[in-house]
Amino acid sequence: MTHSLTPRDEGNLPALGAQPLIRLDAYVAEDGSTVVNGHLLEMGGMRPPNEAILDAVAMFARTLGAPVAATVIDRTVQQVARLRVHPDGSSRTIADEDDLPPGRERTAAEEAGFPPLARVERIIQHAQREELHAAFVLASALREHLTLRRGAEDELSLEARAIEAYLAYLRGDHMLSTVLALTVARIRCRTDLNRAAPDVARATAAWQRLWDEGQVATRGQELLHMWERLSSAGLLREPAHQAMAQAVRSRLAQGGRPVTRSSAPAALTAGPGTAPSPEAAPVAPEDKPLKPTRRGLRRFTRRAGRSSPGQPA
């Protein structure tokens, strides 16, 4: 069951003090599932995601009687769009340079009305009701926006990615779960090795469910490097973690793909506090790059008074 976004519900209204404009966010998954401000929209019939987003944001603008800003991550076209939507229903897209400059001020403004932790609670509620598709899409939306605002290595971004990995695991998508969990473990090994063992263990648990031999070997090699680095640092203390490290080594050996210490990936060699070189591998190479926002995106441009069928003008 999904939640319809209804701005007249006080619990859905953004904080009036969020400056310089009320700022919302939206996300379109590759399958067209659409999220606005942490709520999965009910998409009737063949309603396009861009129209659903514009309708929802325009409802906020009319309720507040003021223009509303929105940042849309649209994975169907791999693009970011930054919108301005007015109470009369008109909307336009702007270029990044027309907005607040990237940094703490923009991040604070975008998160002022809708704290990320409140969204995590909603994700957990969906998961507890076994609404795993809704929970996963909401987790993906949260991770995408946190990563856009704060970067992949930010603590909140990491936590959102770990939640997304766990939900992928519950849905039976063990390949995606492994990829997401490995990214968390890779970043943790790079930035805070003392805390990395539980994340490497979660990535190993997902990897153990893989059947594709090529992926088992490729992902297993990276896992083994992580376990070996933890062992060398004296951080492989838990018996369960020691057993998992041995399980990775044994499975790779059974597949005839032994791993040598000398081939450790560049992303794992930087110590805590060490800045990566420009040539270093990206910390989240699996994340598909997003085209930057630009002015005049037609699918998010609307004249005053226009709305989708069934929506009030």
Protein backbone atom coordinates (compact mmCIF):
# COMPACT_ATOMS: atom_id res chain seq x y z
CA MET A 1 0.00 0.00 0.00
CA THR A 2 1.37 3.42 -0.93
CA HIS A 3 0.81 6.83 0.59
CA SER A 4 -0.90 9.58 -1.36
CA LEU A 5 0.74 12.97 -0.82
CA THR A 6 -1.86 15.33 0.60
CA PRO A 7 -0.49 18.77 1.54
CA ARG A 8 -3.51 19.56 3.70
CA ASP A 9 -2.29 16.90 6.13
CA GLU A 10 -0.24 18.90 8.63
CA GLY A 11 2.25 16.02 8.92
CA ASN A 12 3.20 16.45 5.26
CA LEU A 13 3.77 20.19 5.27
CA PRO A 14 7.34 21.47 5.21
CA ALA A 15 8.62 23.79 7.91
CA LEU A 16 7.69 27.37 7.08
CA GLY A 17 11.13 28.58 8.18
CA ALA A 18 13.05 26.69 5.47
CA GLN A 19 14.91 29.38 3.50
CA PRO A 20 15.19 30.87 0.95
CA LEU A 21 12.25 28.90 -0.49
CA ILE A 22 10.33 25.91 0.77
CA ARG A 23 12.37 23.07 -0.73
CA LEU A 24 11.02 19.65 -1.65
CA ASP A 25 12.68 16.70 -3.32
CA ALA A 26 11.41 14.08 -5.72
CA TYR A 27 12.73 10.85 -7.15
CA VAL A 28 11.76 8.73 -10.15
CA ALA A 29 13.08 5.16 -10.08
CA GLU A 30 14.04 3.35 -13.27
CA ASP A 31 10.73 1.48 -13.14
CA GLY A 32 8.80 4.77 -12.91
CA SER A 33 7.98 4.55 -9.19
CA THR A 34 7.74 8.15 -8.00
CA VAL A 35 8.52 9.66 -4.60
CA VAL A 36 7.90 13.21 -3.38
CA ASN A 37 9.34 14.20 -0.02
CA GLY A 38 9.61 10.66 1.25
CA HIS A 39 6.12 9.60 0.14
CA LEU A 40 5.52 7.08 -2.64
CA LEU A 41 2.88 8.52 -4.96
CA GLU A 42 -0.11 6.51 -6.12
CA MET A 43 0.21 6.52 -9.89
CA GLY A 44 -3.17 6.00 -11.54
CA GLY A 45 -3.19 4.48 -15.01
CA MET A 46 -0.45 5.74 -17.32
CA ARG A 47 0.14 9.03 -15.52
CA PRO A 48 3.68 10.22 -16.32
CA PRO A 49 5.97 10.70 -13.30
CA ASN A 50 6.85 14.28 -14.27
CA GLU A 51 3.16 15.25 -14.27
CA ALA A 52 2.59 13.57 -10.91
CA ILE A 53 5.56 15.45 -9.43
CA LEU A 54 4.43 18.81 -10.80
CA ASP A 55 0.89 18.24 -9.48
CA ALA A 56 2.16 17.31 -6.01
CA VAL A 57 4.58 20.24 -5.76
CA ALA A 58 1.95 22.67 -7.10
CA MET A 59 -0.42 21.49 -4.35
CA PHE A 60 2.21 22.45 -1.79
CA ALA A 61 2.68 25.85 -3.44
CA ARG A 62 -1.07 26.56 -3.47
CA THR A 63 -1.46 25.46 0.15
CA LEU A 64 1.46 27.62 1.28
CA GLY A 65 0.63 30.51 -1.04
CA ALA A 66 4.27 30.83 -2.04
CA PRO A 67 6.69 29.51 -4.65
CA VAL A 68 8.24 26.14 -3.91
CA ALA A 69 11.62 24.79 -4.99
CA ALA A 70 12.08 21.12 -5.82
CA THR A 71 15.04 18.97 -6.74
CA VAL A 72 14.15 15.95 -8.88
CA ILE A 73 16.42 12.95 -9.45
CA ASP A 74 14.98 11.18 -12.47
CA ARG A 75 16.61 7.79 -13.01
CA THR A 76 14.55 7.10 -16.13
CA VAL A 77 16.71 9.69 -17.92
CA GLN A 78 19.67 9.78 -15.47
CA GLN A 79 19.25 13.50 -14.77
CA VAL A 80 18.82 16.03 -11.99
CA ALA A 81 16.23 18.77 -12.45
CA ARG A 82 15.84 21.81 -10.19
CA LEU A 83 12.35 23.29 -10.32
CA ARG A 84 10.52 26.43 -9.30
CA VAL A 85 6.77 25.87 -8.97
CA HIS A 86 4.33 28.71 -8.22
CA PRO A 87 0.88 28.75 -6.60
CA ASP A 88 -0.75 29.37 -10.01
CA GLY A 89 0.62 25.98 -11.16
CA SER A 90 3.32 27.36 -13.44
CA SER A 91 6.76 25.79 -13.26
CA ARG A 92 10.19 26.04 -14.83
CA THR A 93 13.58 24.42 -14.46
CA ILE A 94 16.70 26.35 -13.55
CA ALA A 95 20.40 25.75 -13.98
CA ASP A 96 22.52 24.82 -10.99
CA GLU A 97 24.19 28.23 -10.97
CA ASP A 98 20.76 29.87 -10.54
CA ASP A 99 20.27 28.11 -7.21
CA LEU A 100 22.05 28.30 -3.89
CA PRO A 101 25.67 27.22 -4.36
CA PRO A 102 26.36 23.59 -3.41
CA GLY A 103 27.40 23.28 0.21
CA ARG A 104 26.13 23.42 3.75
CA GLU A 105 23.64 26.24 3.17
CA ARG A 106 21.84 24.42 0.37
CA THR A 107 21.94 21.10 2.25
CA ALA A 108 20.53 22.69 5.40
CA ALA A 109 17.77 24.43 3.44
CA GLU A 110 16.78 21.24 1.62
CA GLU A 111 16.65 19.19 4.82
CA ALA A 112 15.12 21.84 7.10
CA GLY A 113 11.51 20.77 6.67
CA PHE A 114 11.96 17.03 6.23
CA PRO A 115 14.71 15.53 8.41
CA PRO A 116 16.24 12.35 6.91
CA LEU A 117 15.70 10.34 10.10
CA ALA A 118 11.94 10.86 9.85
CA ARG A 119 12.08 9.27 6.42
CA VAL A 120 14.01 6.31 7.79
CA GLU A 121 11.18 5.71 10.23
CA ARG A 122 8.69 5.63 7.34
CA ILE A 123 10.89 3.16 5.46
CA ILE A 124 11.01 0.91 8.52
CA GLN A 125 7.23 1.06 8.85
CA HIS A 126 6.80 -0.12 5.25
CA ALA A 127 9.30 -2.93 5.81
CA GLN A 128 7.54 -4.05 8.99
CA ARG A 129 4.30 -4.31 7.00
CA GLU A 130 6.25 -6.34 4.40
CA GLU A 131 5.69 -3.63 1.78
CA LEU A 132 9.19 -4.24 0.50
CA HIS A 133 8.84 -2.54 -2.87
CA ALA A 134 7.67 0.70 -1.26
CA ALA A 135 10.36 0.48 1.42
CA PHE A 136 13.08 -0.14 -1.16
CA VAL A 137 12.02 2.73 -3.46
CA LEU A 138 11.86 5.14 -0.50
CA ALA A 139 15.31 3.99 0.65
CA SER A 140 16.71 4.48 -2.86
CA ALA A 141 15.22 7.99 -3.00
CA LEU A 142 16.70 8.86 0.38
CA ARG A 143 20.14 7.53 -0.53
CA GLU A 144 20.14 9.29 -3.90
CA HIS A 145 19.26 12.69 -2.44
CA LEU A 146 21.61 12.40 0.53
CA THR A 147 24.43 11.42 -1.82
CA LEU A 148 23.64 14.34 -4.12
CA ARG A 149 23.64 16.80 -1.21
CA ARG A 150 26.30 15.40 1.07
CA GLY A 151 28.44 13.03 -0.99
CA ALA A 152 28.72 9.25 -0.92
CA GLU A 153 31.07 9.20 2.08
CA ASP A 154 28.79 11.18 4.40
CA GLU A 155 27.58 9.20 7.40
CA LEU A 156 23.88 9.67 6.62
CA SER A 157 24.46 8.70 2.98
CA LEU A 158 26.24 5.54 4.13
CA GLU A 159 23.44 4.60 6.50
CA ALA A 160 20.83 5.09 3.78
CA ARG A 161 22.84 2.91 1.38
CA ALA A 162 23.16 0.21 4.04
CA ILE A 163 19.37 0.25 4.56
CA GLU A 164 18.87 0.03 0.79
CA ALA A 165 21.25 -2.95 0.63
CA TYR A 166 19.37 -4.75 3.40
CA LEU A 167 16.01 -4.18 1.72
CA ALA A 168 17.41 -5.48 -1.58
CA TYR A 169 18.51 -8.58 0.33
CA LEU A 170 15.02 -9.05 1.78
CA ARG A 171 13.55 -8.73 -1.72
CA GLY A 172 15.85 -11.49 -2.96
CA ASP A 173 17.95 -9.20 -5.19
CA HIS A 174 21.25 -10.48 -3.85
CA MET A 175 23.35 -9.03 -6.67
CA LEU A 176 22.13 -5.50 -6.00
CA SER A 177 22.40 -6.06 -2.26
CA THR A 178 26.02 -7.15 -2.69
CA VAL A 179 26.88 -4.15 -4.83
CA LEU A 180 25.32 -1.68 -2.39
CA ALA A 181 26.79 -3.34 0.71
CA LEU A 182 30.23 -3.57 -0.90
CA THR A 183 30.16 0.16 -1.58
CA VAL A 184 29.38 0.84 2.08
CA ALA A 185 32.20 -1.49 3.17
CA ARG A 186 34.63 0.01 0.64
CA ILE A 187 33.96 3.53 1.87
CA ARG A 188 34.19 2.48 5.52
CA CYS A 189 37.53 0.74 4.92
CA ARG A 190 38.73 3.91 3.29
CA THR A 191 37.53 6.39 5.90
CA ASP A 192 37.17 4.56 9.24
CA LEU A 193 38.76 1.13 9.27
CA ASN A 194 38.02 0.64 12.99
CA ARG A 195 34.28 0.53 12.20
CA ALA A 196 34.49 -1.43 8.95
CA ALA A 197 34.18 -5.06 10.09
CA PRO A 198 30.36 -5.12 10.50
CA ASP A 199 29.91 -3.53 7.07
CA VAL A 200 32.28 -6.05 5.45
CA ALA A 201 30.32 -8.80 7.20
CA ARG A 202 27.02 -7.54 5.76
CA ALA A 203 28.53 -7.40 2.29
CA THR A 204 29.83 -10.94 2.74
CA ALA A 205 26.40 -12.20 3.80
CA ALA A 206 24.88 -10.86 0.58
CA TRP A 207 27.79 -12.17 -1.54
CA GLN A 208 27.31 -15.67 -0.13
CA ARG A 209 23.91 -15.77 -1.90
CA LEU A 210 25.38 -15.11 -5.36
CA TRP A 211 25.49 -17.87 -7.99
CA ASP A 212 27.10 -16.16 -10.98
CA GLU A 213 30.70 -17.43 -11.00
CA GLY A 214 32.14 -14.26 -12.48
CA GLN A 215 30.46 -12.05 -9.87
CA VAL A 216 31.40 -14.47 -7.08
CA ALA A 217 35.05 -14.20 -8.10
CA THR A 218 35.16 -10.45 -8.75
CA ARG A 219 33.21 -9.38 -5.68
CA GLY A 220 34.82 -12.08 -3.55
CA GLN A 221 38.31 -10.83 -4.35
CA GLU A 222 37.43 -7.37 -3.10
CA LEU A 223 35.86 -8.84 0.04
CA LEU A 224 38.92 -10.93 0.77
CA HIS A 225 41.16 -7.87 0.44
CA MET A 226 38.96 -6.11 2.98
CA TRP A 227 39.13 -9.02 5.42
CA GLU A 228 42.90 -9.25 4.99
CA ARG A 229 43.31 -5.55 5.64
CA LEU A 230 41.22 -5.81 8.80
CA SER A 231 43.30 -8.80 9.89
CA SER A 232 46.58 -6.97 9.26
CA ALA A 233 45.34 -4.06 11.37
CA GLY A 234 44.39 -6.40 14.24
CA LEU A 235 40.71 -5.66 13.77
CA LEU A 236 39.48 -9.16 12.91
CA ARG A 237 38.49 -9.96 16.50
CA GLU A 238 35.01 -11.46 16.35
CA PRO A 239 34.92 -15.25 15.77
CA ALA A 240 31.96 -14.78 13.41
CA HIS A 241 33.98 -12.34 11.32
CA GLN A 242 36.95 -14.69 11.27
CA ALA A 243 34.67 -17.45 10.03
CA MET A 244 33.26 -15.23 7.29
CA ALA A 245 36.74 -14.27 6.12
CA GLN A 246 37.68 -17.94 5.92
CA ALA A 247 34.45 -18.72 4.07
CA VAL A 248 35.33 -16.15 1.41
CA ARG A 249 38.85 -17.55 1.05
CA SER A 250 37.56 -21.13 0.79
CA ARG A 251 34.89 -20.33 -1.79
CA LEU A 252 37.35 -18.48 -3.99
CA ALA A 253 39.86 -21.34 -3.71
CA GLN A 254 37.17 -23.87 -4.67
CA GLY A 255 36.49 -21.82 -7.77
CA GLY A 256 40.14 -21.92 -8.75
CA ARG A 257 40.48 -18.12 -8.44
CA PRO A 258 43.10 -17.51 -5.72
CA VAL A 259 43.72 -13.95 -4.61
CA THR A 260 47.07 -12.34 -3.86
CA ARG A 261 47.56 -9.49 -1.41
CA SER A 262 49.44 -7.39 -3.95
CA SER A 263 46.36 -6.80 -6.10
CA ALA A 264 44.39 -4.80 -3.52
CA PRO A 265 42.12 -2.19 -5.14
CA ALA A 266 43.28 1.42 -4.93
CA ALA A 267 40.11 2.42 -3.08
CA LEU A 268 41.16 0.28 -0.11
CA THR A 269 44.73 1.49 0.23
CA ALA A 270 44.05 4.97 1.53
CA GLY A 271 44.13 5.19 5.31
CA PRO A 272 41.75 7.14 7.54
CA GLY A 273 41.98 10.85 6.80
CA THR A 274 43.98 10.31 3.62
CA ALA A 275 42.62 12.21 0.63
CA PRO A 276 42.41 10.08 -2.53
CA SER A 277 44.38 11.18 -5.55
CA PRO A 278 42.44 12.45 -8.59
CA GLU A 279 43.35 9.23 -10.37
CA ALA A 280 41.99 7.02 -7.57
CA ALA A 281 39.00 4.82 -8.29
CA PRO A 282 35.62 6.38 -7.36
CA VAL A 283 34.25 5.24 -4.03
CA ALA A 284 30.87 4.33 -5.55
CA PRO A 285 31.64 3.31 -9.15
CA GLU A 286 28.31 1.49 -9.46
CA ASP A 287 26.34 4.74 -9.09
CA LYS A 288 25.28 5.82 -12.55
CA PRO A 289 26.25 9.48 -13.11
CA LEU A 290 23.48 12.04 -13.33
CA LYS A 291 23.35 14.70 -16.02
CA PRO A 292 23.28 18.15 -14.38
CA THR A 293 20.19 20.30 -14.25
CA ARG A 294 19.64 22.91 -16.94
CA ARG A 295 17.15 25.59 -17.82
CA GLY A 296 14.08 24.89 -19.91
CA LEU A 297 13.53 21.14 -19.49
CA ARG A 298 10.23 20.77 -21.31
CA ARG A 299 8.83 17.90 -19.25
CA PHE A 300 8.99 20.06 -16.11
CA THR A 301 7.79 23.31 -17.69
CA ARG A 302 4.14 24.22 -17.22
CA ARG A 303 2.08 27.33 -17.86
CA ALA A 304 -0.10 28.93 -15.21
CA GLY A 305 -3.37 27.13 -14.55
CA ARG A 306 -2.41 23.94 -16.34
CA SER A 307 -2.67 20.64 -14.50
CA SER A 308 -3.00 16.96 -15.25
CA PRO A 309 -6.47 15.49 -15.91
CA GLY A 310 -8.39 15.13 -12.68
CA GLN A 311 -6.31 17.76 -10.86
CA PRO A 312 -7.78 21.15 -9.95
CA ALA A 313 -6.43 24.07 -11.99
